Protein backbone atom coordinates (compact mmCIF):
# COMPACT_ATOMS: atom_id res chain seq x y z
CA MET A 1 -33.39 17.24 -57.59
CA SER A 2 -33.74 20.99 -57.37
CA ASN A 3 -31.81 22.64 -54.57
CA LYS A 4 -34.24 25.59 -54.78
CA LEU A 5 -36.72 23.64 -52.64
CA LYS A 6 -34.37 21.64 -50.43
CA ASP A 7 -35.39 22.19 -46.84
CA PRO A 8 -35.47 19.98 -43.71
CA LEU A 9 -39.20 20.62 -43.20
CA LEU A 10 -39.96 19.62 -46.78
CA ASP A 11 -37.83 16.52 -46.29
CA GLN A 12 -40.02 15.56 -43.32
CA PHE A 13 -43.20 16.30 -45.27
CA PHE A 14 -42.11 14.22 -48.27
CA GLU A 15 -41.03 11.37 -45.98
CA ALA A 16 -44.52 11.46 -44.46
CA ILE A 17 -46.04 11.21 -47.94
CA LEU A 18 -43.77 8.31 -48.81
CA SER A 19 -45.02 6.44 -45.74
CA LEU A 20 -48.61 6.41 -47.05
CA GLN A 21 -49.58 2.89 -48.04
CA ASP A 22 -52.65 3.15 -50.25
CA LEU A 23 -55.18 5.49 -51.88
CA GLU A 24 -57.36 5.58 -48.77
CA GLU A 25 -54.43 6.81 -46.65
CA CYS A 26 -53.57 9.37 -49.35
CA TYR A 27 -57.11 10.72 -49.35
CA ALA A 28 -57.16 10.97 -45.54
CA PHE A 29 -53.76 12.68 -45.30
CA PHE A 30 -54.25 15.12 -48.16
CA GLU A 31 -57.78 16.02 -47.04
CA ASP A 32 -56.27 17.12 -43.73
CA VAL A 33 -53.16 18.82 -45.09
CA SER A 34 -54.63 20.76 -48.02
CA THR A 35 -57.81 22.29 -49.33
CA ILE A 36 -60.03 20.65 -51.90
CA GLY A 37 -59.14 23.46 -54.30
CA GLU A 38 -55.41 22.85 -53.90
CA LEU A 39 -55.84 19.14 -54.55
CA LYS A 40 -58.00 19.79 -57.61
CA ASP A 41 -55.37 22.22 -58.94
CA LEU A 42 -52.60 19.66 -58.49
CA SER A 43 -54.60 16.88 -60.12
CA GLN A 44 -55.53 19.22 -62.98
CA ARG A 45 -51.85 20.01 -63.60
CA TYR A 46 -51.04 16.32 -63.68
CA GLN A 47 -53.82 15.72 -66.22
CA VAL A 48 -52.52 18.64 -68.32
CA ALA A 49 -49.03 17.10 -68.28
CA LYS A 50 -50.41 13.74 -69.40
CA MET A 51 -52.33 15.35 -72.24
CA LEU A 52 -49.38 17.46 -73.37
CA GLN A 53 -47.23 14.34 -73.46
CA GLN A 54 -49.89 12.63 -75.57
CA GLY A 55 -49.78 15.50 -78.07
CA PHE A 56 -53.06 17.26 -77.33
CA ILE A 57 -53.28 20.93 -78.33
CA TYR A 58 -53.87 23.68 -75.76
CA GLU A 59 -57.47 24.25 -76.86
CA GLU A 60 -58.44 20.62 -76.33
CA ILE A 61 -56.60 20.44 -73.00
CA ALA A 62 -58.36 23.58 -71.77
CA LYS A 63 -61.72 22.21 -72.91
CA GLN A 64 -61.27 18.82 -71.24
CA THR A 65 -59.58 19.92 -68.01
CA GLY A 66 -60.82 23.47 -67.46
CA ALA A 67 -57.21 24.62 -67.14
CA SER A 68 -56.29 28.10 -68.28
CA THR A 69 -53.81 28.58 -71.09
CA ALA A 70 -51.46 30.08 -68.48
CA THR A 71 -51.60 26.85 -66.47
CA ILE A 72 -51.09 24.76 -69.59
CA SER A 73 -48.09 26.91 -70.57
CA ARG A 74 -46.59 26.59 -67.10
CA VAL A 75 -46.92 22.81 -67.14
CA LYS A 76 -45.44 22.70 -70.66
CA ARG A 77 -42.47 24.76 -69.44
CA CYS A 78 -41.97 22.32 -66.57
CA LEU A 79 -42.13 19.38 -68.96
CA THR A 80 -39.40 20.83 -71.15
CA HIS A 81 -37.27 22.87 -68.73
CA GLY A 82 -38.25 21.69 -65.26
CA ALA A 83 -36.74 19.28 -62.75
CA ASP A 84 -38.11 16.27 -64.71
CA GLY A 85 -40.61 15.43 -61.98
CA TYR A 86 -43.50 15.17 -64.42
CA GLN A 87 -41.37 13.08 -66.79
CA LEU A 88 -40.44 10.72 -63.96
CA ILE A 89 -44.05 10.05 -63.03
CA LEU A 90 -45.41 9.97 -66.57
CA LYS A 91 -42.91 7.27 -67.53
CA ARG A 92 -44.20 5.13 -64.67
CA LYS A 93 -47.91 5.51 -65.43
């Protein structure tokens, strides 16, 4: 875990997320707590991470997801030098 983010308010927020029980509850909570654009950006980054892990090249990832090369590069950096959050989830899915 990264201590850069550690904060009591974030702890409460993440605990709230962990209490969600299904997709319907996730949709309801995240629709209230964030914008559609923010959610689409997050889901796009997750898709980019999946495609990078599968060996897709930047051009194909950009074409399929609409992500910029800057976004793809940032996700790639997180995959190789980040807190291993993407790796954790990608191993489970």
